[in-house]
Amino acid sequence: MQNDAGEFVDLYVPRKCSASNRIIGAKDHASIQINISEVTCFKNASLCMCNGESDDSILRLAKNDGIVSK
């Protein structure tokens, strides 16, 4: 949540998985966050990693953003 000055006032801001749009909980210690080119940030929840989808989902997101050639 932000106040009138535009500053974040919450102590904890939950992250969302870039591939599945699921909220990454505070106790999800298997989740990863990859920063690419200091501009693009991809977050993967442990659910995607357990299913073996993390490589495919990061590649798909990178192709959609034009980072990797199609």
C-alpha atoms as a PDB file:
ATOM      1  CA  MET A   1       0.000   0.000   0.000  1.00  0.00           C
ATOM      2  CA  GLN A   2       1.198   3.541  -0.747  1.00  0.00           C
ATOM      3  CA  ASN A   3       0.529   6.762   1.100  1.00  0.00           C
ATOM      4  CA  ASP A   4      -0.296  10.124  -0.507  1.00  0.00           C
ATOM      5  CA  ALA A   5       3.407  10.855  -1.124  1.00  0.00           C
ATOM      6  CA  GLY A   6       3.770   7.617  -3.123  1.00  0.00           C
ATOM      7  CA  GLU A   7       5.954   5.856  -0.531  1.00  0.00           C
ATOM      8  CA  PHE A   8       5.431   2.204   0.337  1.00  0.00           C
ATOM      9  CA  VAL A   9       4.139   1.889   3.901  1.00  0.00           C
ATOM     10  CA  ASP A  10       3.739  -1.892   4.168  1.00  0.00           C
ATOM     11  CA  LEU A  11       6.458  -3.898   5.866  1.00  0.00           C
ATOM     12  CA  TYR A  12       5.970  -6.890   3.574  1.00  0.00           C
ATOM     13  CA  VAL A  13       5.073  -6.667  -0.099  1.00  0.00           C
ATOM     14  CA  PRO A  14       4.355 -10.152  -1.527  1.00  0.00           C
ATOM     15  CA  ARG A  15       5.841 -11.132  -4.882  1.00  0.00           C
ATOM     16  CA  LYS A  16       4.018 -12.890  -7.701  1.00  0.00           C
ATOM     17  CA  CYS A  17       5.368 -15.635  -9.896  1.00  0.00           C
ATOM     18  CA  SER A  18       6.043 -14.295 -13.396  1.00  0.00           C
ATOM     19  CA  ALA A  19       4.973 -17.557 -15.050  1.00  0.00           C
ATOM     20  CA  SER A  20       1.853 -18.545 -13.108  1.00  0.00           C
ATOM     21  CA  ASN A  21       0.831 -15.242 -11.408  1.00  0.00           C
ATOM     22  CA  ARG A  22       0.608 -17.051  -8.066  1.00  0.00           C
ATOM     23  CA  ILE A  23       1.615 -15.167  -4.936  1.00  0.00           C
ATOM     24  CA  ILE A  24       5.000 -16.249  -3.580  1.00  0.00           C
ATOM     25  CA  GLY A  25       4.539 -16.588   0.164  1.00  0.00           C
ATOM     26  CA  ALA A  26       7.007 -15.529   2.826  1.00  0.00           C
ATOM     27  CA  LYS A  27       7.724 -19.160   3.749  1.00  0.00           C
ATOM     28  CA  ASP A  28       8.406 -20.269   0.161  1.00  0.00           C
ATOM     29  CA  HIS A  29      12.162 -20.716   0.513  1.00  0.00           C
ATOM     30  CA  ALA A  30      12.546 -22.579  -2.786  1.00  0.00           C
ATOM     31  CA  SER A  31      11.443 -19.650  -4.964  1.00  0.00           C
ATOM     32  CA  ILE A  32      14.006 -17.767  -7.023  1.00  0.00           C
ATOM     33  CA  GLN A  33      14.300 -14.284  -8.486  1.00  0.00           C
ATOM     34  CA  ILE A  34      16.451 -13.617 -11.533  1.00  0.00           C
ATOM     35  CA  ASN A  35      17.371 -10.060 -12.551  1.00  0.00           C
ATOM     36  CA  ILE A  36      18.322  -9.781 -16.211  1.00  0.00           C
ATOM     37  CA  SER A  37      20.080  -6.669 -17.548  1.00  0.00           C
ATOM     38  CA  GLU A  38      19.218  -4.751 -14.369  1.00  0.00           C
ATOM     39  CA  VAL A  39      15.870  -3.936 -15.996  1.00  0.00           C
ATOM     40  CA  THR A  40      13.878  -7.137 -16.314  1.00  0.00           C
ATOM     41  CA  CYS A  41      13.027  -9.191 -13.253  1.00  0.00           C
ATOM     42  CA  PHE A  42      11.570 -12.704 -13.442  1.00  0.00           C
ATOM     43  CA  LYS A  43      10.318 -14.489 -10.323  1.00  0.00           C
ATOM     44  CA  ASN A  44       9.585 -18.208 -10.203  1.00  0.00           C
ATOM     45  CA  ALA A  45       7.636 -19.923  -7.460  1.00  0.00           C
ATOM     46  CA  SER A  46       8.691 -23.283  -6.119  1.00  0.00           C
ATOM     47  CA  LEU A  47       5.539 -24.807  -7.639  1.00  0.00           C
ATOM     48  CA  CYS A  48       6.911 -24.148 -11.136  1.00  0.00           C
ATOM     49  CA  MET A  49      10.313 -25.460 -10.106  1.00  0.00           C
ATOM     50  CA  CYS A  50       8.860 -28.677  -8.660  1.00  0.00           C
ATOM     51  CA  ASN A  51       7.003 -29.366 -11.887  1.00  0.00           C
ATOM     52  CA  GLY A  52      10.167 -28.791 -13.935  1.00  0.00           C
ATOM     53  CA  GLU A  53       8.700 -25.768 -15.696  1.00  0.00           C
ATOM     54  CA  SER A  54      11.119 -23.082 -14.493  1.00  0.00           C
ATOM     55  CA  ASP A  55      13.505 -23.286 -17.488  1.00  0.00           C
ATOM     56  CA  ASP A  56      10.672 -23.241 -19.991  1.00  0.00           C
ATOM     57  CA  SER A  57       8.799 -20.431 -18.261  1.00  0.00           C
ATOM     58  CA  ILE A  58      11.869 -18.169 -17.985  1.00  0.00           C
ATOM     59  CA  LEU A  59      12.711 -18.815 -21.652  1.00  0.00           C
ATOM     60  CA  ARG A  60       9.107 -18.057 -22.674  1.00  0.00           C
ATOM     61  CA  LEU A  61       9.078 -14.795 -20.665  1.00  0.00           C
ATOM     62  CA  ALA A  62      12.465 -13.758 -22.091  1.00  0.00           C
ATOM     63  CA  LYS A  63      11.235 -14.404 -25.635  1.00  0.00           C
ATOM     64  CA  ASN A  64       8.089 -12.347 -24.999  1.00  0.00           C
ATOM     65  CA  ASP A  65      10.204  -9.427 -23.740  1.00  0.00           C
ATOM     66  CA  GLY A  66      12.578  -9.670 -26.709  1.00  0.00           C
ATOM     67  CA  ILE A  67      15.637 -10.551 -24.615  1.00  0.00           C
ATOM     68  CA  VAL A  68      16.154 -13.874 -26.408  1.00  0.00           C
ATOM     69  CA  SER A  69      15.590 -14.251 -30.137  1.00  0.00           C
ATOM     70  CA  LYS A  70      12.590 -16.329 -31.160  1.00  0.00           C
END
